[in-house]
Amino acid sequence: MKTNKLALLVIGLLIVVIVFYLIGTYNSLIRLEEEVNSAWAQVSNQYQRRADLIPNLVETVKGYARHEQETFQAVTEARAKATQITISPEILDNPEAFGRFQKVQGELSSALSRLLAVAENYPQLKANENFLSLQAQLEGTENRIAVERRRFNEVVRRYNTRIRRFPTNLIAGMFGFEKKAYFEAEEGAEKAPRVQF
């Protein structure tokens, strides 16, 4: 009788330990997933800042370079495409949508590079305070985007590593925690952009 009680006590204690382990692991996965969503929100915030600055920059450059219509149109179209894609945390669970988002943002970056290259041909524009201020803000925003994307990738790495490790992978699989996509360099990013006039 005494050994039965001891065995039941040991089994009960083991069950309690397992339950607490499951709860702790689940909660840590929730925390990591929220960190991924928070990092994504920061990336999204910087992309929105860039989208908000672009119309002002385009209008300032337009005043000096009326004949560069093709470049202005490319920037405007790229911005429109970039702002049409919903950038909610759900996009992180859809690799195809995430890839489309990255592609559109890359096209916008490329169009902005062309716009800034056009501006280099106009000495009066380069001296204009509004242009200089907008250019500095845009460059700062591009740097912030790069920093936030790097932070996002770090958080995603921690999350993905955690859900793939044993025995956490069993719990992650039971509760539907899935691997998140990283930001990757755009295709052709290893080549320097070519600017021609």
N, C-alpha and C. Protein backbone atom coordinates (compact mmCIF):
# COMPACT_ATOMS: atom_id res chain seq x y z
N MET A 1 0.82 -1.19 0.00
CA MET A 1 0.00 0.00 0.00
C MET A 1 0.87 1.25 0.00
N LYS A 2 1.92 1.19 0.83
CA LYS A 2 2.80 2.34 0.94
C LYS A 2 3.54 2.60 -0.38
N THR A 3 3.95 1.53 -1.06
CA THR A 3 4.65 1.68 -2.34
C THR A 3 3.70 2.19 -3.42
N ASN A 4 2.42 1.83 -3.36
CA ASN A 4 1.44 2.34 -4.32
C ASN A 4 1.28 3.86 -4.18
N LYS A 5 1.20 4.31 -2.92
CA LYS A 5 1.07 5.75 -2.68
C LYS A 5 2.31 6.49 -3.17
N LEU A 6 3.46 5.90 -2.92
CA LEU A 6 4.71 6.52 -3.36
C LEU A 6 4.78 6.56 -4.89
N ALA A 7 4.35 5.49 -5.53
CA ALA A 7 4.35 5.44 -7.00
C ALA A 7 3.39 6.48 -7.56
N LEU A 8 2.19 6.58 -6.96
CA LEU A 8 1.22 7.59 -7.40
C LEU A 8 1.76 9.01 -7.20
N LEU A 9 2.43 9.21 -6.08
CA LEU A 9 3.02 10.52 -5.81
C LEU A 9 4.09 10.87 -6.85
N VAL A 10 4.93 9.92 -7.18
CA VAL A 10 5.98 10.13 -8.18
C VAL A 10 5.35 10.41 -9.54
N ILE A 11 4.34 9.64 -9.92
CA ILE A 11 3.64 9.83 -11.20
C ILE A 11 2.96 11.21 -11.23
N GLY A 12 2.30 11.55 -10.13
CA GLY A 12 1.65 12.86 -10.04
C GLY A 12 2.65 13.99 -10.17
N LEU A 13 3.78 13.85 -9.48
CA LEU A 13 4.84 14.86 -9.55
C LEU A 13 5.40 14.97 -10.97
N LEU A 14 5.58 13.85 -11.62
CA LEU A 14 6.07 13.82 -13.00
C LEU A 14 5.08 14.50 -13.94
N ILE A 15 3.79 14.25 -13.75
CA ILE A 15 2.77 14.90 -14.57
C ILE A 15 2.79 16.41 -14.36
N VAL A 16 2.93 16.84 -13.12
CA VAL A 16 3.00 18.28 -12.82
C VAL A 16 4.20 18.92 -13.50
N VAL A 17 5.36 18.26 -13.44
CA VAL A 17 6.57 18.78 -14.08
C VAL A 17 6.37 18.89 -15.59
N ILE A 18 5.78 17.87 -16.20
CA ILE A 18 5.54 17.88 -17.65
C ILE A 18 4.57 19.00 -18.03
N VAL A 19 3.51 19.16 -17.25
CA VAL A 19 2.53 20.22 -17.53
C VAL A 19 3.20 21.60 -17.43
N PHE A 20 3.98 21.81 -16.39
CA PHE A 20 4.66 23.10 -16.25
C PHE A 20 5.67 23.32 -17.38
N TYR A 21 6.33 22.25 -17.81
CA TYR A 21 7.27 22.38 -18.94
C TYR A 21 6.51 22.78 -20.20
N LEU A 22 5.37 22.11 -20.46
CA LEU A 22 4.56 22.43 -21.63
C LEU A 22 4.08 23.89 -21.58
N ILE A 23 3.60 24.31 -20.44
CA ILE A 23 3.12 25.69 -20.29
C ILE A 23 4.26 26.68 -20.51
N GLY A 24 5.40 26.42 -19.91
CA GLY A 24 6.55 27.32 -20.06
C GLY A 24 7.03 27.40 -21.50
N THR A 25 7.10 26.26 -22.16
CA THR A 25 7.55 26.24 -23.55
C THR A 25 6.55 26.95 -24.45
N TYR A 26 5.27 26.68 -24.26
CA TYR A 26 4.23 27.34 -25.06
C TYR A 26 4.31 28.87 -24.87
N ASN A 27 4.42 29.30 -23.63
CA ASN A 27 4.49 30.75 -23.37
C ASN A 27 5.74 31.38 -23.96
N SER A 28 6.85 30.68 -23.94
CA SER A 28 8.06 31.24 -24.53
C SER A 28 7.93 31.32 -26.06
N LEU A 29 7.24 30.36 -26.66
CA LEU A 29 7.00 30.43 -28.11
C LEU A 29 6.08 31.60 -28.46
N ILE A 30 5.08 31.82 -27.64
CA ILE A 30 4.19 32.98 -27.85
C ILE A 30 5.00 34.27 -27.75
N ARG A 31 5.88 34.36 -26.75
CA ARG A 31 6.70 35.57 -26.58
C ARG A 31 7.58 35.79 -27.81
N LEU A 32 8.21 34.73 -28.30
CA LEU A 32 9.07 34.85 -29.47
C LEU A 32 8.27 35.23 -30.71
N GLU A 33 7.09 34.65 -30.87
CA GLU A 33 6.25 35.00 -32.02
C GLU A 33 5.83 36.47 -31.95
N GLU A 34 5.54 36.95 -30.77
CA GLU A 34 5.19 38.37 -30.61
C GLU A 34 6.39 39.27 -30.89
N GLU A 35 7.58 38.82 -30.55
CA GLU A 35 8.79 39.59 -30.89
C GLU A 35 8.94 39.69 -32.40
N VAL A 36 8.65 38.60 -33.11
CA VAL A 36 8.70 38.61 -34.58
C VAL A 36 7.68 39.62 -35.11
N ASN A 37 6.46 39.59 -34.58
CA ASN A 37 5.43 40.52 -35.03
C ASN A 37 5.80 41.96 -34.71
N SER A 38 6.40 42.18 -33.56
CA SER A 38 6.82 43.52 -33.19
C SER A 38 7.94 44.03 -34.10
N ALA A 39 8.89 43.16 -34.39
CA ALA A 39 9.98 43.54 -35.30
C ALA A 39 9.42 43.83 -36.68
N TRP A 40 8.44 43.03 -37.10
CA TRP A 40 7.80 43.27 -38.40
C TRP A 40 7.09 44.63 -38.42
N ALA A 41 6.45 44.98 -37.32
CA ALA A 41 5.76 46.27 -37.23
C ALA A 41 6.75 47.42 -37.39
N GLN A 42 7.96 47.25 -36.84
CA GLN A 42 8.98 48.30 -37.00
C GLN A 42 9.44 48.41 -38.45
N VAL A 43 9.61 47.28 -39.12
CA VAL A 43 9.97 47.31 -40.54
C VAL A 43 8.86 48.01 -41.32
N SER A 44 7.64 47.63 -41.05
CA SER A 44 6.48 48.22 -41.71
C SER A 44 6.41 49.73 -41.47
N ASN A 45 6.69 50.13 -40.25
CA ASN A 45 6.68 51.55 -39.88
C ASN A 45 7.69 52.34 -40.71
N GLN A 46 8.88 51.79 -40.92
CA GLN A 46 9.90 52.49 -41.70
C GLN A 46 9.53 52.53 -43.18
N TYR A 47 8.92 51.46 -43.69
CA TYR A 47 8.46 51.49 -45.08
C TYR A 47 7.38 52.55 -45.26
N GLN A 48 6.51 52.69 -44.27
CA GLN A 48 5.46 53.72 -44.35
C GLN A 48 6.08 55.11 -44.33
N ARG A 49 7.08 55.30 -43.50
CA ARG A 49 7.77 56.59 -43.44
C ARG A 49 8.35 56.94 -44.82
N ARG A 50 8.97 55.95 -45.45
CA ARG A 50 9.54 56.17 -46.78
C ARG A 50 8.44 56.52 -47.77
N ALA A 51 7.35 55.78 -47.74
CA ALA A 51 6.25 56.05 -48.66
C ALA A 51 5.67 57.46 -48.46
N ASP A 52 5.67 57.92 -47.23
CA ASP A 52 5.17 59.27 -46.95
C ASP A 52 6.12 60.35 -47.44
N LEU A 53 7.41 60.10 -47.43
CA LEU A 53 8.40 61.09 -47.86
C LEU A 53 8.50 61.21 -49.39
N ILE A 54 8.22 60.13 -50.09
CA ILE A 54 8.45 60.10 -51.54
C ILE A 54 7.70 61.19 -52.30
N PRO A 55 6.40 61.42 -52.08
CA PRO A 55 5.71 62.45 -52.86
C PRO A 55 6.36 63.84 -52.73
N ASN A 56 6.81 64.17 -51.53
CA ASN A 56 7.46 65.47 -51.33
C ASN A 56 8.78 65.55 -52.09
N LEU A 57 9.54 64.48 -52.06
CA LEU A 57 10.81 64.45 -52.77
C LEU A 57 10.59 64.55 -54.27
N VAL A 58 9.63 63.80 -54.79
CA VAL A 58 9.34 63.83 -56.22
C VAL A 58 8.92 65.23 -56.65
N GLU A 59 8.04 65.87 -55.90
CA GLU A 59 7.57 67.21 -56.26
C GLU A 59 8.71 68.22 -56.23
N THR A 60 9.60 68.11 -55.28
CA THR A 60 10.74 69.03 -55.20
C THR A 60 11.65 68.86 -56.41
N VAL A 61 11.95 67.61 -56.78
CA VAL A 61 12.82 67.36 -57.92
C VAL A 61 12.11 67.76 -59.21
N LYS A 62 10.81 67.53 -59.30
CA LYS A 62 10.05 67.88 -60.50
C LYS A 62 10.20 69.36 -60.84
N GLY A 63 10.22 70.19 -59.83
CA GLY A 63 10.34 71.62 -60.06
C GLY A 63 11.62 71.99 -60.80
N TYR A 64 12.65 71.21 -60.67
CA TYR A 64 13.93 71.49 -61.31
C TYR A 64 14.15 70.69 -62.59
N ALA A 65 13.54 69.55 -62.67
CA ALA A 65 13.85 68.63 -63.77
C ALA A 65 12.57 68.19 -64.47
N ARG A 66 11.91 69.09 -65.10
CA ARG A 66 10.61 68.80 -65.73
C ARG A 66 10.69 67.71 -66.80
N HIS A 67 11.81 67.58 -67.50
CA HIS A 67 11.90 66.63 -68.61
C HIS A 67 12.23 65.20 -68.18
N GLU A 68 12.36 64.95 -66.90
CA GLU A 68 12.69 63.61 -66.40
C GLU A 68 11.41 62.84 -66.03
N GLN A 69 10.39 62.98 -66.83
CA GLN A 69 9.06 62.43 -66.55
C GLN A 69 9.09 60.91 -66.34
N GLU A 70 9.89 60.20 -67.11
CA GLU A 70 9.95 58.74 -67.00
C GLU A 70 10.38 58.31 -65.60
N THR A 71 11.37 58.99 -65.05
CA THR A 71 11.85 58.66 -63.71
C THR A 71 10.78 58.96 -62.67
N PHE A 72 10.11 60.11 -62.81
CA PHE A 72 9.06 60.46 -61.85
C PHE A 72 7.93 59.44 -61.88
N GLN A 73 7.58 59.03 -63.09
CA GLN A 73 6.50 58.06 -63.24
C GLN A 73 6.89 56.72 -62.62
N ALA A 74 8.15 56.31 -62.82
CA ALA A 74 8.62 55.03 -62.25
C ALA A 74 8.56 55.06 -60.73
N VAL A 75 8.97 56.19 -60.14
CA VAL A 75 8.94 56.31 -58.68
C VAL A 75 7.49 56.28 -58.18
N THR A 76 6.64 57.05 -58.85
CA THR A 76 5.23 57.11 -58.44
C THR A 76 4.56 55.75 -58.56
N GLU A 77 4.81 55.04 -59.65
CA GLU A 77 4.22 53.70 -59.83
C GLU A 77 4.77 52.71 -58.81
N ALA A 78 6.07 52.78 -58.55
CA ALA A 78 6.67 51.86 -57.58
C ALA A 78 6.10 52.12 -56.18
N ARG A 79 5.92 53.38 -55.84
CA ARG A 79 5.34 53.73 -54.54
C ARG A 79 3.90 53.21 -54.45
N ALA A 80 3.14 53.38 -55.53
CA ALA A 80 1.75 52.91 -55.54
C ALA A 80 1.69 51.40 -55.33
N LYS A 81 2.57 50.66 -56.01
CA LYS A 81 2.60 49.20 -55.85
C LYS A 81 2.96 48.83 -54.41
N ALA A 82 3.94 49.55 -53.86
CA ALA A 82 4.42 49.24 -52.52
C ALA A 82 3.35 49.50 -51.46
N THR A 83 2.53 50.51 -51.68
CA THR A 83 1.51 50.82 -50.67
C THR A 83 0.24 50.01 -50.87
N GLN A 84 0.12 49.28 -51.98
CA GLN A 84 -1.07 48.46 -52.20
C GLN A 84 -1.01 47.14 -51.44
N ILE A 85 0.17 46.68 -51.12
CA ILE A 85 0.31 45.40 -50.43
C ILE A 85 0.10 45.62 -48.94
N THR A 86 -0.83 44.87 -48.38
CA THR A 86 -1.09 44.93 -46.94
C THR A 86 0.08 44.29 -46.22
N ILE A 87 0.61 44.99 -45.25
CA ILE A 87 1.80 44.49 -44.56
C ILE A 87 1.47 44.12 -43.11
N SER A 88 0.52 43.24 -42.96
CA SER A 88 0.13 42.75 -41.65
C SER A 88 1.05 41.60 -41.25
N PRO A 89 1.06 41.26 -39.97
CA PRO A 89 1.90 40.13 -39.54
C PRO A 89 1.54 38.81 -40.23
N GLU A 90 0.32 38.68 -40.76
CA GLU A 90 -0.08 37.45 -41.43
C GLU A 90 0.77 37.19 -42.68
N ILE A 91 1.33 38.26 -43.27
CA ILE A 91 2.16 38.09 -44.47
C ILE A 91 3.39 37.23 -44.15
N LEU A 92 3.79 37.21 -42.88
CA LEU A 92 4.97 36.45 -42.47
C LEU A 92 4.74 34.94 -42.59
N ASP A 93 3.47 34.53 -42.55
CA ASP A 93 3.16 33.10 -42.64
C ASP A 93 2.93 32.65 -44.07
N ASN A 94 3.04 33.59 -45.03
CA ASN A 94 2.80 33.27 -46.44
C ASN A 94 4.06 33.63 -47.23
N PRO A 95 4.95 32.66 -47.48
CA PRO A 95 6.21 32.95 -48.16
C PRO A 95 6.03 33.60 -49.53
N GLU A 96 4.97 33.23 -50.24
CA GLU A 96 4.72 33.80 -51.56
C GLU A 96 4.38 35.29 -51.45
N ALA A 97 3.50 35.65 -50.54
CA ALA A 97 3.12 37.05 -50.33
C ALA A 97 4.31 37.85 -49.80
N PHE A 98 5.09 37.22 -48.92
CA PHE A 98 6.28 37.89 -48.37
C PHE A 98 7.28 38.18 -49.49
N GLY A 99 7.45 37.24 -50.41
CA GLY A 99 8.35 37.44 -51.55
C GLY A 99 7.88 38.57 -52.45
N ARG A 100 6.55 38.63 -52.70
CA ARG A 100 5.99 39.72 -53.51
C ARG A 100 6.25 41.06 -52.84
N PHE A 101 6.07 41.10 -51.51
CA PHE A 101 6.30 42.33 -50.75
C PHE A 101 7.75 42.78 -50.89
N GLN A 102 8.68 41.84 -50.73
CA GLN A 102 10.10 42.16 -50.86
C GLN A 102 10.41 42.67 -52.27
N LYS A 103 9.83 42.06 -53.28
CA LYS A 103 10.09 42.45 -54.67
C LYS A 103 9.61 43.88 -54.92
N VAL A 104 8.43 44.20 -54.46
CA VAL A 104 7.87 45.54 -54.67
C VAL A 104 8.70 46.58 -53.93
N GLN A 105 9.15 46.26 -52.73
CA GLN A 105 9.98 47.21 -51.98
C GLN A 105 11.33 47.40 -52.68
N GLY A 106 11.85 46.34 -53.28
CA GLY A 106 13.10 46.45 -54.04
C GLY A 106 12.93 47.34 -55.26
N GLU A 107 11.81 47.21 -55.94
CA GLU A 107 11.53 48.06 -57.10
C GLU A 107 11.46 49.53 -56.68
N LEU A 108 10.85 49.78 -55.53
CA LEU A 108 10.76 51.15 -55.03
C LEU A 108 12.15 51.69 -54.70
N SER A 109 12.97 50.90 -54.08
CA SER A 109 14.34 51.33 -53.76
C SER A 109 15.11 51.66 -55.04
N SER A 110 14.95 50.83 -56.05
CA SER A 110 15.62 51.06 -57.33
C SER A 110 15.15 52.36 -57.98
N ALA A 111 13.85 52.60 -57.97
CA ALA A 111 13.30 53.83 -58.55
C ALA A 111 13.79 55.06 -57.80
N LEU A 112 13.87 54.95 -56.48
CA LEU A 112 14.38 56.07 -55.69
C LEU A 112 15.85 56.35 -56.00
N SER A 113 16.62 55.31 -56.22
CA SER A 113 18.03 55.50 -56.58
C SER A 113 18.14 56.27 -57.89
N ARG A 114 17.28 55.93 -58.86
CA ARG A 114 17.29 56.65 -60.14
C ARG A 114 16.89 58.10 -59.95
N LEU A 115 15.91 58.34 -59.09
CA LEU A 115 15.47 59.72 -58.83
C LEU A 115 16.61 60.54 -58.22
N LEU A 116 17.29 59.97 -57.26
CA LEU A 116 18.40 60.70 -56.62
C LEU A 116 19.55 60.90 -57.60
N ALA A 117 19.75 59.95 -58.52
CA ALA A 117 20.79 60.12 -59.54
C ALA A 117 20.42 61.26 -60.48
N VAL A 118 19.15 61.38 -60.83
CA VAL A 118 18.69 62.49 -61.68
C VAL A 118 18.96 63.82 -60.97
N ALA A 119 18.69 63.85 -59.69
CA ALA A 119 18.87 65.09 -58.93
C ALA A 119 20.33 65.55 -58.93
N GLU A 120 21.26 64.63 -59.06
CA GLU A 120 22.68 64.99 -59.07
C GLU A 120 23.03 65.89 -60.25
N ASN A 121 22.24 65.86 -61.31
CA ASN A 121 22.51 66.68 -62.50
C ASN A 121 22.06 68.13 -62.36
N TYR A 122 21.45 68.48 -61.24
CA TYR A 122 20.89 69.82 -61.09
C TYR A 122 21.52 70.50 -59.88
N PRO A 123 22.57 71.32 -60.13
CA PRO A 123 23.28 71.96 -59.02
C PRO A 123 22.37 72.85 -58.16
N GLN A 124 21.42 73.54 -58.80
CA GLN A 124 20.54 74.40 -58.01
C GLN A 124 19.67 73.55 -57.08
N LEU A 125 19.24 72.40 -57.56
CA LEU A 125 18.42 71.52 -56.76
C LEU A 125 19.22 70.99 -55.58
N LYS A 126 20.46 70.61 -55.82
CA LYS A 126 21.29 70.07 -54.74
C LYS A 126 21.52 71.10 -53.64
N ALA A 127 21.39 72.39 -53.98
CA ALA A 127 21.59 73.44 -52.99
C ALA A 127 20.27 73.82 -52.31
N ASN A 128 19.13 73.34 -52.83
CA ASN A 128 17.82 73.69 -52.28
C ASN A 128 17.64 73.04 -50.91
N GLU A 129 17.29 73.86 -49.91
CA GLU A 129 17.16 73.35 -48.54
C GLU A 129 16.10 72.28 -48.41
N ASN A 130 14.96 72.47 -49.08
CA ASN A 130 13.90 71.47 -49.00
C ASN A 130 14.37 70.13 -49.55
N PHE A 131 15.07 70.18 -50.68
CA PHE A 131 15.56 68.94 -51.28
C PHE A 131 16.58 68.28 -50.35
N LEU A 132 17.50 69.07 -49.84
CA LEU A 132 18.53 68.51 -48.97
C LEU A 132 17.91 67.87 -47.72
N SER A 133 16.91 68.55 -47.18
CA SER A 133 16.24 68.01 -46.00
C SER A 133 15.51 66.71 -46.33
N LEU A 134 14.78 66.71 -47.45
CA LEU A 134 14.07 65.49 -47.85
C LEU A 134 15.04 64.36 -48.17
N GLN A 135 16.12 64.70 -48.85
CA GLN A 135 17.11 63.68 -49.20
C GLN A 135 17.72 63.08 -47.92
N ALA A 136 18.03 63.94 -46.96
CA ALA A 136 18.60 63.45 -45.70
C ALA A 136 17.60 62.56 -44.96
N GLN A 137 16.33 62.98 -44.96
CA GLN A 137 15.30 62.16 -44.29
C GLN A 137 15.14 60.81 -44.99
N LEU A 138 15.16 60.85 -46.31
CA LEU A 138 15.00 59.61 -47.07
C LEU A 138 16.20 58.68 -46.86
N GLU A 139 17.40 59.25 -46.88
CA GLU A 139 18.59 58.43 -46.62
C GLU A 139 18.54 57.85 -45.21
N GLY A 140 18.11 58.69 -44.25
CA GLY A 140 17.96 58.19 -42.88
C GLY A 140 16.94 57.08 -42.79
N THR A 141 15.85 57.23 -43.53
CA THR A 141 14.81 56.21 -43.53
C THR A 141 15.33 54.93 -44.16
N GLU A 142 16.08 55.03 -45.25
CA GLU A 142 16.65 53.83 -45.87
C GLU A 142 17.58 53.12 -44.87
N ASN A 143 18.34 53.89 -44.12
CA ASN A 143 19.21 53.28 -43.10
C ASN A 143 18.38 52.62 -42.01
N ARG A 144 17.30 53.29 -41.59
CA ARG A 144 16.42 52.70 -40.57
C ARG A 144 15.79 51.41 -41.08
N ILE A 145 15.40 51.41 -42.35
CA ILE A 145 14.82 50.19 -42.93
C ILE A 145 15.84 49.06 -42.86
N ALA A 146 17.07 49.36 -43.23
CA ALA A 146 18.12 48.33 -43.19
C ALA A 146 18.33 47.81 -41.76
N VAL A 147 18.33 48.71 -40.79
CA VAL A 147 18.52 48.32 -39.39
C VAL A 147 17.35 47.47 -38.92
N GLU A 148 16.13 47.91 -39.23
CA GLU A 148 14.94 47.16 -38.78
C GLU A 148 14.86 45.81 -39.47
N ARG A 149 15.25 45.73 -40.74
CA ARG A 149 15.25 44.44 -41.42
C ARG A 149 16.27 43.50 -40.78
N ARG A 150 17.43 44.04 -40.42
CA ARG A 150 18.45 43.22 -39.74
C ARG A 150 17.91 42.73 -38.39
N ARG A 151 17.29 43.63 -37.63
CA ARG A 151 16.72 43.23 -36.33
C ARG A 151 15.62 42.18 -36.53
N PHE A 152 14.80 42.40 -37.53
CA PHE A 152 13.73 41.44 -37.84
C PHE A 152 14.33 40.06 -38.11
N ASN A 153 15.37 40.01 -38.94
CA ASN A 153 16.01 38.72 -39.26
C ASN A 153 16.60 38.07 -38.01
N GLU A 154 17.14 38.87 -37.10
CA GLU A 154 17.68 38.31 -35.85
C GLU A 154 16.58 37.67 -35.02
N VAL A 155 15.45 38.37 -34.90
CA VAL A 155 14.33 37.84 -34.11
C VAL A 155 13.76 36.59 -34.78
N VAL A 156 13.64 36.62 -36.09
CA VAL A 156 13.15 35.44 -36.83
C VAL A 156 14.10 34.27 -36.64
N ARG A 157 15.41 34.53 -36.66
CA ARG A 157 16.38 33.46 -36.45
C ARG A 157 16.19 32.82 -35.07
N ARG A 158 16.03 33.64 -34.03
CA ARG A 158 15.81 33.10 -32.68
C ARG A 158 14.53 32.26 -32.63
N TYR A 159 13.47 32.79 -33.23
CA TYR A 159 12.18 32.09 -33.25
C TYR A 159 12.30 30.76 -34.01
N ASN A 160 12.83 30.83 -35.23
CA ASN A 160 12.94 29.62 -36.05
C ASN A 160 13.83 28.57 -35.38
N THR A 161 14.91 29.01 -34.77
CA THR A 161 15.80 28.07 -34.08
C THR A 161 15.06 27.39 -32.93
N ARG A 162 14.31 28.19 -32.20
CA ARG A 162 13.59 27.64 -31.03
C ARG A 162 12.55 26.62 -31.45
N ILE A 163 11.77 26.91 -32.50
CA ILE A 163 10.70 25.97 -32.86
C ILE A 163 11.24 24.71 -33.54
N ARG A 164 12.49 24.72 -33.95
CA ARG A 164 13.08 23.55 -34.62
C ARG A 164 13.85 22.66 -33.65
N ARG A 165 14.15 23.15 -32.43
CA ARG A 165 14.93 22.37 -31.47
C ARG A 165 14.05 21.33 -30.77
N PHE A 166 14.65 20.19 -30.54
CA PHE A 166 13.95 19.12 -29.82
C PHE A 166 14.03 19.39 -28.33
N PRO A 167 13.03 19.21 -27.57
CA PRO A 167 11.69 18.71 -27.84
C PRO A 167 10.68 19.83 -28.13
N THR A 168 11.16 21.07 -28.19
CA THR A 168 10.26 22.19 -28.45
C THR A 168 9.55 22.03 -29.79
N ASN A 169 10.23 21.39 -30.75
CA ASN A 169 9.61 21.21 -32.07
C ASN A 169 8.31 20.39 -31.97
N LEU A 170 8.24 19.49 -31.02
CA LEU A 170 7.01 18.70 -30.83
C LEU A 170 5.86 19.60 -30.36
N ILE A 171 6.17 20.45 -29.41
CA ILE A 171 5.15 21.36 -28.87
C ILE A 171 4.77 22.39 -29.93
N ALA A 172 5.76 22.92 -30.64
CA ALA A 172 5.49 23.91 -31.71
C ALA A 172 4.60 23.29 -32.77
N GLY A 173 4.87 22.05 -33.13
CA GLY A 173 4.04 21.37 -34.12
C GLY A 173 2.62 21.15 -33.65
N MET A 174 2.46 20.83 -32.36
CA MET A 174 1.12 20.59 -31.81
C MET A 174 0.27 21.86 -31.85
N PHE A 175 0.91 23.00 -31.62
CA PHE A 175 0.16 24.26 -31.50
C PHE A 175 0.25 25.13 -32.74
N GLY A 176 0.81 24.62 -33.83
CA GLY A 176 0.79 25.33 -35.10
C GLY A 176 1.79 26.47 -35.25
N PHE A 177 2.87 26.44 -34.50
CA PHE A 177 3.92 27.45 -34.69
C PHE A 177 4.72 27.06 -35.92
N GLU A 178 4.78 27.96 -36.90
CA GLU A 178 5.46 27.66 -38.15
C GLU A 178 6.66 28.57 -38.36
N LYS A 179 7.59 28.07 -39.16
CA LYS A 179 8.80 28.80 -39.50
C LYS A 179 8.43 30.12 -40.19
N LYS A 180 9.14 31.19 -39.87
CA LYS A 180 8.93 32.51 -40.47
C LYS A 180 10.00 32.76 -41.54
N ALA A 181 9.65 33.57 -42.52
CA ALA A 181 10.58 33.89 -43.62
C ALA A 181 11.51 35.03 -43.22
N TYR A 182 12.71 35.00 -43.76
CA TYR A 182 13.69 36.07 -43.56
C TYR A 182 13.58 37.08 -44.69
N PHE A 183 14.02 38.30 -44.42
CA PHE A 183 14.25 39.24 -45.51
C PHE A 183 15.53 38.79 -46.19
N GLU A 184 15.52 38.79 -47.50
CA GLU A 184 16.70 38.41 -48.25
C GLU A 184 17.04 39.51 -49.22
N ALA A 185 18.28 39.56 -49.64
CA ALA A 185 18.69 40.55 -50.63
C ALA A 185 17.92 40.30 -51.93
N GLU A 186 17.58 41.38 -52.61
CA GLU A 186 16.87 41.23 -53.88
C GLU A 186 17.79 40.59 -54.90
N GLU A 187 17.18 39.97 -55.88
CA GLU A 187 17.94 39.36 -56.94
C GLU A 187 18.75 40.43 -57.66
N GLY A 188 20.02 40.20 -57.85
CA GLY A 188 20.88 41.16 -58.54
C GLY A 188 21.46 42.22 -57.62
N ALA A 189 21.21 42.12 -56.31
CA ALA A 189 21.69 43.13 -55.37
C ALA A 189 23.21 43.15 -55.26
N GLU A 190 23.84 42.06 -55.67
CA GLU A 190 25.30 42.01 -55.58
C GLU A 190 25.97 42.89 -56.63
N LYS A 191 25.20 43.32 -57.63
CA LYS A 191 25.75 44.19 -58.68
C LYS A 191 25.46 45.64 -58.36
N ALA A 192 26.45 46.50 -58.60
CA ALA A 192 26.25 47.94 -58.36
C ALA A 192 25.26 48.48 -59.37
N PRO A 193 24.35 49.39 -58.95
CA PRO A 193 23.41 49.96 -59.90
C PRO A 193 24.12 50.78 -60.96
N ARG A 194 23.62 50.72 -62.17
CA ARG A 194 24.23 51.46 -63.27
C ARG A 194 23.35 52.65 -63.62
N VAL A 195 23.93 53.83 -63.58
CA VAL A 195 23.19 55.04 -63.86
C VAL A 195 23.71 55.64 -65.14
N GLN A 196 22.80 55.88 -66.07
CA GLN A 196 23.18 56.49 -67.37
C GLN A 196 22.35 57.73 -67.60
N PHE A 197 22.96 58.72 -68.23
CA PHE A 197 22.24 59.95 -68.61
C PHE A 197 22.38 60.17 -70.09
